[in-house]
PDB file of N, CA and C in Angstrom:
ATOM      1  N   UNK A   1      -1.896 -36.867 -56.427  1.00  0.00           N
ATOM      2  CA  UNK A   1      -2.874 -38.220 -57.106  1.00  0.00           C
ATOM      3  C   UNK A   1      -2.595 -37.057 -58.451  1.00  0.00           C
ATOM      4  N   UNK A   2      -2.671 -37.762 -59.915  1.00  0.00           N
ATOM      5  CA  UNK A   2      -2.257 -37.560 -60.884  1.00  0.00           C
ATOM      6  C   UNK A   2      -3.923 -37.109 -61.885  1.00  0.00           C
ATOM      7  N   UNK A   3      -3.476 -36.189 -62.610  1.00  0.00           N
ATOM      8  CA  UNK A   3      -4.574 -35.843 -63.519  1.00  0.00           C
ATOM      9  C   UNK A   3      -6.006 -36.636 -64.051  1.00  0.00           C
ATOM     10  N   UNK A   4      -5.298 -37.667 -64.342  1.00  0.00           N
ATOM     11  CA  UNK A   4      -6.033 -38.784 -65.131  1.00  0.00           C
ATOM     12  C   UNK A   4      -6.750 -39.390 -63.776  1.00  0.00           C
ATOM     13  N   UNK A   5      -6.478 -39.626 -62.702  1.00  0.00           N
ATOM     14  CA  UNK A   5      -6.984 -40.379 -61.854  1.00  0.00           C
ATOM     15  C   UNK A   5      -7.943 -39.507 -60.920  1.00  0.00           C
ATOM     16  N   UNK A   6      -7.719 -38.276 -60.709  1.00  0.00           N
ATOM     17  CA  UNK A   6      -8.496 -37.418 -60.711  1.00  0.00           C
ATOM     18  C   UNK A   6      -9.831 -37.165 -61.412  1.00  0.00           C
ATOM     19  N   UNK A   7      -9.521 -37.542 -63.082  1.00  0.00           N
ATOM     20  CA  UNK A   7     -10.844 -37.557 -64.075  1.00  0.00           C
ATOM     21  C   UNK A   7     -11.421 -38.423 -63.782  1.00  0.00           C
ATOM     22  N   UNK A   8     -10.914 -40.082 -63.299  1.00  0.00           N
ATOM     23  CA  UNK A   8     -11.339 -40.948 -62.997  1.00  0.00           C
ATOM     24  C   UNK A   8     -12.249 -41.118 -61.770  1.00  0.00           C
ATOM     25  N   UNK A   9     -11.890 -40.549 -61.181  1.00  0.00           N
ATOM     26  CA  UNK A   9     -12.533 -40.122 -59.340  1.00  0.00           C
ATOM     27  C   UNK A   9     -13.466 -39.357 -59.579  1.00  0.00           C
ATOM     28  N   UNK A  10     -13.694 -38.128 -60.351  1.00  0.00           N
ATOM     29  CA  UNK A  10     -14.433 -37.613 -60.847  1.00  0.00           C
ATOM     30  C   UNK A  10     -16.257 -38.311 -61.866  1.00  0.00           C
ATOM     31  N   UNK A  11     -15.055 -38.890 -62.538  1.00  0.00           N
ATOM     32  CA  UNK A  11     -16.390 -39.168 -63.377  1.00  0.00           C
ATOM     33  C   UNK A  11     -17.192 -40.883 -62.568  1.00  0.00           C
ATOM     34  N   UNK A  12     -16.462 -41.242 -61.555  1.00  0.00           N
ATOM     35  CA  UNK A  12     -16.948 -42.341 -60.935  1.00  0.00           C
ATOM     36  C   UNK A  12     -17.668 -41.643 -60.399  1.00  0.00           C
ATOM     37  N   UNK A  13     -17.598 -40.914 -59.518  1.00  0.00           N
ATOM     38  CA  UNK A  13     -18.328 -40.056 -58.551  1.00  0.00           C
ATOM     39  C   UNK A  13     -19.654 -39.098 -59.383  1.00  0.00           C
ATOM     40  N   UNK A  14     -20.074 -38.790 -60.028  1.00  0.00           N
ATOM     41  CA  UNK A  14     -20.914 -38.504 -61.142  1.00  0.00           C
ATOM     42  C   UNK A  14     -21.513 -39.848 -61.421  1.00  0.00           C
ATOM     43  N   UNK A  15     -21.381 -40.772 -62.100  1.00  0.00           N
ATOM     44  CA  UNK A  15     -22.220 -42.009 -62.138  1.00  0.00           C
ATOM     45  C   UNK A  15     -22.756 -42.538 -60.895  1.00  0.00           C
ATOM     46  N   UNK A  16     -22.130 -42.217 -60.058  1.00  0.00           N
ATOM     47  CA  UNK A  16     -22.587 -43.138 -59.009  1.00  0.00           C
ATOM     48  C   UNK A  16     -23.607 -41.917 -58.362  1.00  0.00           C
ATOM     49  N   UNK A  17     -23.563 -40.855 -58.578  1.00  0.00           N
ATOM     50  CA  UNK A  17     -24.785 -40.173 -58.187  1.00  0.00           C
ATOM     51  C   UNK A  17     -25.808 -39.884 -59.638  1.00  0.00           C
ATOM     52  N   UNK A  18     -25.694 -41.008 -60.652  1.00  0.00           N
ATOM     53  CA  UNK A  18     -27.045 -41.049 -61.392  1.00  0.00           C
ATOM     54  C   UNK A  18     -26.902 -39.913 -62.602  1.00  0.00           C
ATOM     55  N   UNK A  19     -25.623 -39.551 -62.995  1.00  0.00           N
ATOM     56  CA  UNK A  19     -25.297 -38.886 -64.063  1.00  0.00           C
ATOM     57  C   UNK A  19     -25.281 -39.436 -65.311  1.00  0.00           C
ATOM     58  N   UNK A  20     -25.625 -39.070 -66.664  1.00  0.00           N
ATOM     59  CA  UNK A  20     -25.716 -40.240 -67.671  1.00  0.00           C
ATOM     60  C   UNK A  20     -23.994 -40.065 -68.644  1.00  0.00           C
ATOM     61  N   UNK A  21     -23.527 -38.774 -68.242  1.00  0.00           N
ATOM     62  CA  UNK A  21     -22.546 -38.993 -69.084  1.00  0.00           C
ATOM     63  C   UNK A  21     -21.545 -37.354 -68.161  1.00  0.00           C
ATOM     64  N   UNK A  22     -20.389 -37.947 -67.872  1.00  0.00           N
ATOM     65  CA  UNK A  22     -19.525 -37.049 -67.122  1.00  0.00           C
ATOM     66  C   UNK A  22     -18.453 -36.159 -68.198  1.00  0.00           C
ATOM     67  N   UNK A  23     -17.973 -35.043 -68.488  1.00  0.00           N
ATOM     68  CA  UNK A  23     -17.476 -34.446 -69.619  1.00  0.00           C
ATOM     69  C   UNK A  23     -16.011 -33.594 -68.521  1.00  0.00           C
ATOM     70  N   UNK A  24     -14.861 -33.640 -68.649  1.00  0.00           N
ATOM     71  CA  UNK A  24     -13.947 -32.971 -68.143  1.00  0.00           C
ATOM     72  C   UNK A  24     -13.349 -31.986 -69.687  1.00  0.00           C
ATOM     73  N   UNK A  25     -13.473 -30.420 -69.355  1.00  0.00           N
ATOM     74  CA  UNK A  25     -12.112 -30.158 -70.513  1.00  0.00           C
ATOM     75  C   UNK A  25     -11.801 -28.904 -69.979  1.00  0.00           C
ATOM     76  N   UNK A  26     -10.890 -28.081 -70.348  1.00  0.00           N
ATOM     77  CA  UNK A  26      -9.793 -26.999 -69.407  1.00  0.00           C
ATOM     78  C   UNK A  26     -10.678 -26.240 -69.693  1.00  0.00           C
ATOM     79  N   UNK A  27     -10.605 -25.238 -69.105  1.00  0.00           N
ATOM     80  CA  UNK A  27     -11.474 -23.859 -69.362  1.00  0.00           C
ATOM     81  C   UNK A  27     -10.274 -22.979 -69.771  1.00  0.00           C
ATOM     82  N   UNK A  28     -10.754 -22.027 -70.926  1.00  0.00           N
ATOM     83  CA  UNK A  28     -10.427 -21.718 -71.943  1.00  0.00           C
ATOM     84  C   UNK A  28     -11.109 -21.209 -72.620  1.00  0.00           C
ATOM     85  N   UNK A  29     -11.125 -19.856 -73.324  1.00  0.00           N
ATOM     86  CA  UNK A  29     -11.447 -19.047 -74.543  1.00  0.00           C
ATOM     87  C   UNK A  29     -11.971 -19.891 -75.520  1.00  0.00           C
ATOM     88  N   UNK A  30     -13.333 -20.521 -75.937  1.00  0.00           N
ATOM     89  CA  UNK A  30     -13.699 -21.132 -76.673  1.00  0.00           C
ATOM     90  C   UNK A  30     -13.725 -20.838 -78.199  1.00  0.00           C
ATOM     91  N   UNK A  31     -12.535 -20.388 -79.090  1.00  0.00           N
ATOM     92  CA  UNK A  31     -12.142 -19.251 -79.906  1.00  0.00           C
ATOM     93  C   UNK A  31     -13.287 -19.933 -81.244  1.00  0.00           C
ATOM     94  N   UNK A  32     -13.090 -21.320 -81.466  1.00  0.00           N
ATOM     95  CA  UNK A  32     -13.884 -22.044 -82.851  1.00  0.00           C
ATOM     96  C   UNK A  32     -15.334 -22.133 -82.461  1.00  0.00           C
ATOM     97  N   UNK A  33     -16.075 -21.896 -81.396  1.00  0.00           N
ATOM     98  CA  UNK A  33     -17.008 -21.315 -80.970  1.00  0.00           C
ATOM     99  C   UNK A  33     -17.280 -20.506 -80.860  1.00  0.00           C
ATOM    100  N   UNK A  34     -16.962 -19.703 -80.944  1.00  0.00           N
ATOM    101  CA  UNK A  34     -17.545 -17.878 -80.283  1.00  0.00           C
ATOM    102  C   UNK A  34     -18.075 -17.947 -82.199  1.00  0.00           C
ATOM    103  N   UNK A  35     -17.630 -17.728 -83.372  1.00  0.00           N
ATOM    104  CA  UNK A  35     -18.830 -17.467 -84.331  1.00  0.00           C
ATOM    105  C   UNK A  35     -20.190 -18.271 -84.375  1.00  0.00           C
ATOM    106  N   UNK A  36     -19.772 -19.224 -83.983  1.00  0.00           N
ATOM    107  CA  UNK A  36     -21.247 -20.407 -84.217  1.00  0.00           C
ATOM    108  C   UNK A  36     -21.848 -19.749 -82.880  1.00  0.00           C
ATOM    109  N   UNK A  37     -21.719 -19.912 -81.530  1.00  0.00           N
ATOM    110  CA  UNK A  37     -22.683 -19.259 -81.056  1.00  0.00           C
ATOM    111  C   UNK A  37     -23.562 -17.768 -81.093  1.00  0.00           C
ATOM    112  N   UNK A  38     -22.234 -17.284 -81.757  1.00  0.00           N
ATOM    113  CA  UNK A  38     -22.783 -15.531 -82.005  1.00  0.00           C
ATOM    114  C   UNK A  38     -24.138 -15.832 -82.993  1.00  0.00           C
ATOM    115  N   UNK A  39     -23.942 -16.262 -83.955  1.00  0.00           N
ATOM    116  CA  UNK A  39     -24.558 -16.898 -85.036  1.00  0.00           C
ATOM    117  C   UNK A  39     -26.453 -17.829 -84.679  1.00  0.00           C
ATOM    118  N   UNK A  40     -25.711 -18.414 -83.716  1.00  0.00           N
ATOM    119  CA  UNK A  40     -27.130 -19.210 -83.106  1.00  0.00           C
ATOM    120  C   UNK A  40     -27.784 -18.104 -82.495  1.00  0.00           C
ATOM    121  N   UNK A  41     -27.273 -17.100 -81.583  1.00  0.00           N
ATOM    122  CA  UNK A  41     -27.695 -16.749 -81.145  1.00  0.00           C
ATOM    123  C   UNK A  41     -28.900 -15.289 -81.964  1.00  0.00           C
ATOM    124  N   UNK A  42     -28.273 -14.612 -82.941  1.00  0.00           N
ATOM    125  CA  UNK A  42     -28.682 -14.141 -83.868  1.00  0.00           C
ATOM    126  C   UNK A  42     -30.282 -14.674 -85.009  1.00  0.00           C
ATOM    127  N   UNK A  43     -29.742 -15.660 -84.971  1.00  0.00           N
ATOM    128  CA  UNK A  43     -31.326 -16.176 -85.522  1.00  0.00           C
ATOM    129  C   UNK A  43     -32.051 -16.673 -84.740  1.00  0.00           C
ATOM    130  N   UNK A  44     -31.773 -16.383 -83.504  1.00  0.00           N
ATOM    131  CA  UNK A  44     -32.783 -16.365 -82.458  1.00  0.00           C
ATOM    132  C   UNK A  44     -33.500 -18.434 -82.056  1.00  0.00           C
ATOM    133  N   UNK A  45     -32.032 -19.123 -82.032  1.00  0.00           N
ATOM    134  CA  UNK A  45     -32.570 -20.535 -81.612  1.00  0.00           C
ATOM    135  C   UNK A  45     -32.745 -20.710 -80.556  1.00  0.00           C
ATOM    136  N   UNK A  46     -32.049 -19.579 -79.657  1.00  0.00           N
ATOM    137  CA  UNK A  46     -32.445 -19.661 -78.058  1.00  0.00           C
ATOM    138  C   UNK A  46     -33.824 -19.703 -77.705  1.00  0.00           C
ATOM    139  N   UNK A  47     -34.717 -19.476 -78.782  1.00  0.00           N
ATOM    140  CA  UNK A  47     -36.808 -19.183 -78.264  1.00  0.00           C
ATOM    141  C   UNK A  47     -36.373 -18.332 -77.314  1.00  0.00           C
ATOM    142  N   UNK A  48     -37.348 -18.849 -75.733  1.00  0.00           N
ATOM    143  CA  UNK A  48     -37.901 -17.931 -75.456  1.00  0.00           C
ATOM    144  C   UNK A  48     -36.426 -17.662 -73.737  1.00  0.00           C
ATOM    145  N   UNK A  49     -35.869 -18.330 -73.886  1.00  0.00           N
ATOM    146  CA  UNK A  49     -33.792 -18.828 -73.276  1.00  0.00           C
ATOM    147  C   UNK A  49     -33.456 -17.625 -73.162  1.00  0.00           C
ATOM    148  N   UNK A  50     -34.327 -16.585 -73.262  1.00  0.00           N
ATOM    149  CA  UNK A  50     -33.219 -15.071 -73.701  1.00  0.00           C
ATOM    150  C   UNK A  50     -32.342 -15.088 -72.652  1.00  0.00           C
ATOM    151  N   UNK A  51     -31.925 -15.844 -71.441  1.00  0.00           N
ATOM    152  CA  UNK A  51     -30.692 -15.394 -70.283  1.00  0.00           C
ATOM    153  C   UNK A  51     -29.578 -15.529 -71.171  1.00  0.00           C
ATOM    154  N   UNK A  52     -29.679 -16.659 -72.395  1.00  0.00           N
ATOM    155  CA  UNK A  52     -28.371 -17.061 -73.283  1.00  0.00           C
ATOM    156  C   UNK A  52     -28.097 -16.009 -73.532  1.00  0.00           C
ATOM    157  N   UNK A  53     -28.751 -14.564 -74.116  1.00  0.00           N
ATOM    158  CA  UNK A  53     -27.613 -13.564 -74.750  1.00  0.00           C
ATOM    159  C   UNK A  53     -27.301 -12.516 -73.825  1.00  0.00           C
ATOM    160  N   UNK A  54     -26.807 -12.699 -72.370  1.00  0.00           N
ATOM    161  CA  UNK A  54     -26.405 -12.696 -71.294  1.00  0.00           C
ATOM    162  C   UNK A  54     -25.234 -12.789 -71.190  1.00  0.00           C
ATOM    163  N   UNK A  55     -24.412 -12.201 -71.017  1.00  0.00           N
ATOM    164  CA  UNK A  55     -22.591 -12.308 -70.516  1.00  0.00           C
ATOM    165  C   UNK A  55     -22.286 -13.154 -71.603  1.00  0.00           C
ATOM    166  N   UNK A  56     -22.394 -13.122 -72.492  1.00  0.00           N
ATOM    167  CA  UNK A  56     -22.076 -13.844 -73.878  1.00  0.00           C
ATOM    168  C   UNK A  56     -20.040 -13.986 -73.759  1.00  0.00           C
ATOM    169  N   UNK A  57     -19.636 -12.965 -73.410  1.00  0.00           N
ATOM    170  CA  UNK A  57     -17.846 -13.287 -73.177  1.00  0.00           C
ATOM    171  C   UNK A  57     -18.010 -14.229 -71.748  1.00  0.00           C
ATOM    172  N   UNK A  58     -18.504 -14.390 -70.817  1.00  0.00           N
ATOM    173  CA  UNK A  58     -18.339 -15.299 -70.136  1.00  0.00           C
ATOM    174  C   UNK A  58     -18.498 -16.864 -70.427  1.00  0.00           C
ATOM    175  N   UNK A  59     -19.732 -17.091 -71.074  1.00  0.00           N
ATOM    176  CA  UNK A  59     -19.967 -18.281 -71.875  1.00  0.00           C
ATOM    177  C   UNK A  59     -19.094 -18.740 -72.994  1.00  0.00           C
ATOM    178  N   UNK A  60     -18.277 -17.466 -73.196  1.00  0.00           N
ATOM    179  CA  UNK A  60     -17.299 -17.902 -74.602  1.00  0.00           C
ATOM    180  C   UNK A  60     -15.729 -18.459 -73.125  1.00  0.00           C
ATOM    181  N   UNK A  61     -15.490 -18.063 -72.240  1.00  0.00           N
ATOM    182  CA  UNK A  61     -14.219 -17.969 -71.705  1.00  0.00           C
ATOM    183  C   UNK A  61     -15.071 -18.105 -70.190  1.00  0.00           C
ATOM    184  N   UNK A  62     -14.425 -18.978 -69.925  1.00  0.00           N
ATOM    185  CA  UNK A  62     -15.016 -19.691 -68.342  1.00  0.00           C
ATOM    186  C   UNK A  62     -14.496 -19.053 -67.375  1.00  0.00           C
ATOM    187  N   UNK A  63     -12.935 -18.696 -67.422  1.00  0.00           N
ATOM    188  CA  UNK A  63     -12.058 -18.085 -66.916  1.00  0.00           C
ATOM    189  C   UNK A  63     -12.976 -16.611 -66.151  1.00  0.00           C
ATOM    190  N   UNK A  64     -13.430 -15.831 -67.030  1.00  0.00           N
ATOM    191  CA  UNK A  64     -13.897 -14.681 -66.527  1.00  0.00           C
ATOM    192  C   UNK A  64     -14.854 -15.036 -65.707  1.00  0.00           C
ATOM    193  N   UNK A  65     -15.922 -16.281 -65.353  1.00  0.00           N
ATOM    194  CA  UNK A  65     -16.902 -16.970 -64.902  1.00  0.00           C
ATOM    195  C   UNK A  65     -16.634 -17.123 -63.544  1.00  0.00           C
ATOM    196  N   UNK A  66     -14.905 -17.717 -63.366  1.00  0.00           N
ATOM    197  CA  UNK A  66     -14.729 -18.256 -62.188  1.00  0.00           C
ATOM    198  C   UNK A  66     -12.822 -17.386 -62.640  1.00  0.00           C
ATOM    199  N   UNK A  67     -12.803 -16.852 -61.616  1.00  0.00           N
ATOM    200  CA  UNK A  67     -10.849 -16.827 -61.749  1.00  0.00           C
ATOM    201  C   UNK A  67     -10.049 -17.847 -61.788  1.00  0.00           C
ATOM    202  N   UNK A  68      -8.949 -18.497 -62.362  1.00  0.00           N
ATOM    203  CA  UNK A  68      -8.250 -19.323 -61.577  1.00  0.00           C
ATOM    204  C   UNK A  68      -8.965 -20.247 -62.510  1.00  0.00           C
ATOM    205  N   UNK A  69      -9.896 -20.970 -62.597  1.00  0.00           N
ATOM    206  CA  UNK A  69     -10.239 -22.091 -62.977  1.00  0.00           C
ATOM    207  C   UNK A  69      -9.338 -22.758 -63.933  1.00  0.00           C
ATOM    208  N   UNK A  70      -9.178 -24.087 -63.831  1.00  0.00           N
ATOM    209  CA  UNK A  70      -8.520 -24.614 -64.854  1.00  0.00           C
ATOM    210  C   UNK A  70      -9.190 -25.592 -65.480  1.00  0.00           C
ATOM    211  N   UNK A  71     -10.303 -26.043 -65.260  1.00  0.00           N
ATOM    212  CA  UNK A  71     -11.456 -27.070 -66.060  1.00  0.00           C
ATOM    213  C   UNK A  71     -12.946 -26.759 -65.601  1.00  0.00           C
ATOM    214  N   UNK A  72     -13.368 -27.563 -66.850  1.00  0.00           N
ATOM    215  CA  UNK A  72     -14.840 -27.437 -66.745  1.00  0.00           C
ATOM    216  C   UNK A  72     -15.510 -28.975 -66.909  1.00  0.00           C
ATOM    217  N   UNK A  73     -16.195 -29.171 -65.762  1.00  0.00           N
ATOM    218  CA  UNK A  73     -16.904 -30.406 -65.644  1.00  0.00           C
ATOM    219  C   UNK A  73     -18.832 -30.185 -66.089  1.00  0.00           C
ATOM    220  N   UNK A  74     -18.679 -30.873 -67.342  1.00  0.00           N
ATOM    221  CA  UNK A  74     -20.036 -31.064 -67.942  1.00  0.00           C
ATOM    222  C   UNK A  74     -20.296 -32.558 -67.681  1.00  0.00           C
ATOM    223  N   UNK A  75     -21.650 -31.996 -66.998  1.00  0.00           N
ATOM    224  CA  UNK A  75     -22.523 -33.220 -67.065  1.00  0.00           C
ATOM    225  C   UNK A  75     -24.156 -33.415 -67.475  1.00  0.00           C
ATOM    226  N   UNK A  76     -24.536 -34.862 -67.830  1.00  0.00           N
ATOM    227  CA  UNK A  76     -25.768 -34.871 -68.516  1.00  0.00           C
ATOM    228  C   UNK A  76     -26.763 -35.946 -67.628  1.00  0.00           C
ATOM    229  N   UNK A  77     -27.945 -35.197 -67.200  1.00  0.00           N
ATOM    230  CA  UNK A  77     -28.767 -36.152 -66.366  1.00  0.00           C
ATOM    231  C   UNK A  77     -30.019 -36.386 -67.182  1.00  0.00           C
ATOM    232  N   UNK A  78     -30.351 -37.616 -67.643  1.00  0.00           N
ATOM    233  CA  UNK A  78     -31.742 -38.212 -68.530  1.00  0.00           C
ATOM    234  C   UNK A  78     -32.704 -38.099 -67.697  1.00  0.00           C
ATOM    235  N   UNK A  79     -33.423 -37.218 -68.301  1.00  0.00           N
ATOM    236  CA  UNK A  79     -34.866 -36.745 -67.542  1.00  0.00           C
ATOM    237  C   UNK A  79     -35.641 -38.128 -67.503  1.00  0.00           C
ATOM    238  N   UNK A  80     -35.407 -38.908 -68.461  1.00  0.00           N
ATOM    239  CA  UNK A  80     -36.398 -40.120 -69.163  1.00  0.00           C
ATOM    240  C   UNK A  80     -36.048 -41.508 -68.333  1.00  0.00           C
ATOM    241  N   UNK A  81     -36.148 -41.969 -67.112  1.00  0.00           N
ATOM    242  CA  UNK A  81     -35.701 -43.124 -67.223  1.00  0.00           C
ATOM    243  C   UNK A  81     -36.062 -44.351 -68.194  1.00  0.00           C
ATOM    244  N   UNK A  82     -34.942 -45.127 -68.303  1.00  0.00           N
ATOM    245  CA  UNK A  82     -35.647 -46.581 -68.731  1.00  0.00           C
ATOM    246  C   UNK A  82     -36.771 -47.153 -68.009  1.00  0.00           C
ATOM    247  N   UNK A  83     -36.502 -46.664 -66.343  1.00  0.00           N
ATOM    248  CA  UNK A  83     -37.773 -47.684 -65.972  1.00  0.00           C
ATOM    249  C   UNK A  83     -39.185 -46.770 -65.798  1.00  0.00           C
ATOM    250  N   UNK A  84     -40.245 -47.378 -65.856  1.00  0.00           N
ATOM    251  CA  UNK A  84     -41.407 -46.358 -65.798  1.00  0.00           C
ATOM    252  C   UNK A  84     -41.414 -46.157 -63.764  1.00  0.00           C
ATOM    253  N   UNK A  85     -41.391 -45.097 -63.479  1.00  0.00           N
ATOM    254  CA  UNK A  85     -41.303 -44.900 -61.902  1.00  0.00           C
ATOM    255  C   UNK A  85     -42.930 -44.455 -61.388  1.00  0.00           C
ATOM    256  N   UNK A  86     -43.707 -44.262 -62.690  1.00  0.00           N
ATOM    257  CA  UNK A  86     -44.846 -43.838 -62.052  1.00  0.00           C
ATOM    258  C   UNK A  86     -45.750 -44.806 -61.634  1.00  0.00           C
ATOM    259  N   UNK A  87     -45.468 -46.233 -62.296  1.00  0.00           N
ATOM    260  CA  UNK A  87     -46.265 -47.466 -61.959  1.00  0.00           C
ATOM    261  C   UNK A  87     -45.739 -48.146 -60.905  1.00  0.00           C
ATOM    262  N   UNK A  88     -44.568 -48.285 -60.303  1.00  0.00           N
ATOM    263  CA  UNK A  88     -44.320 -48.613 -58.968  1.00  0.00           C
ATOM    264  C   UNK A  88     -44.606 -47.381 -57.671  1.00  0.00           C
ATOM    265  N   UNK A  89     -44.775 -46.655 -57.741  1.00  0.00           N
ATOM    266  CA  UNK A  89     -45.078 -45.620 -56.818  1.00  0.00           C
ATOM    267  C   UNK A  89     -45.345 -44.722 -57.326  1.00  0.00           C
ATOM    268  N   UNK A  90     -47.399 -43.953 -57.693  1.00  0.00           N
ATOM    269  CA  UNK A  90     -47.415 -42.886 -58.495  1.00  0.00           C
ATOM    270  C   UNK A  90     -47.562 -41.946 -58.132  1.00  0.00           C
ATOM    271  N   UNK A  91     -47.903 -42.153 -56.275  1.00  0.00           N
ATOM    272  CA  UNK A  91     -47.780 -40.931 -55.223  1.00  0.00           C
ATOM    273  C   UNK A  91     -46.768 -40.283 -55.050  1.00  0.00           C
ATOM    274  N   UNK A  92     -45.353 -40.928 -55.629  1.00  0.00           N
ATOM    275  CA  UNK A  92     -43.635 -40.426 -55.027  1.00  0.00           C
ATOM    276  C   UNK A  92     -43.146 -39.268 -55.204  1.00  0.00           C
ATOM    277  N   UNK A  93     -44.212 -38.564 -56.557  1.00  0.00           N
ATOM    278  CA  UNK A  93     -43.733 -37.235 -57.201  1.00  0.00           C
ATOM    279  C   UNK A  93     -44.602 -36.810 -58.183  1.00  0.00           C
ATOM    280  N   UNK A  94     -44.238 -35.652 -58.838  1.00  0.00           N
ATOM    281  CA  UNK A  94     -45.161 -35.009 -59.321  1.00  0.00           C
ATOM    282  C   UNK A  94     -44.933 -34.841 -60.603  1.00  0.00           C
ATOM    283  N   UNK A  95     -45.437 -35.218 -61.697  1.00  0.00           N
ATOM    284  CA  UNK A  95     -44.974 -34.144 -63.262  1.00  0.00           C
ATOM    285  C   UNK A  95     -45.123 -32.832 -63.783  1.00  0.00           C
ATOM    286  N   UNK A  96     -44.290 -32.133 -63.820  1.00  0.00           N
ATOM    287  CA  UNK A  96     -44.755 -30.815 -64.169  1.00  0.00           C
ATOM    288  C   UNK A  96     -44.777 -30.900 -66.189  1.00  0.00           C
ATOM    289  N   UNK A  97     -45.963 -29.924 -65.742  1.00  0.00           N
ATOM    290  CA  UNK A  97     -46.302 -29.814 -67.095  1.00  0.00           C
ATOM    291  C   UNK A  97     -46.708 -28.039 -67.527  1.00  0.00           C
TER     292      UNK A  97
END
């Protein structure tokens, strides 16, 4: 199977599972993003998510986290579906506050 066929299959599976978006990128050091991430963290934009300050090197190079990684798959899941599920079955889930 070719890289393109693999990408198409992965994106289809992600869509079938309900993800709004699936992107695939090469696993490599993010040279251009490094200074932006560092400045973003120094400005405190991470708020209470202090864990984002940990493992700075691994955030910029996924191959340090997973040696031999070739690709990174990023997914987006929409928390607020277009349909109001609370009206259909209000006892089926709880809303975290």
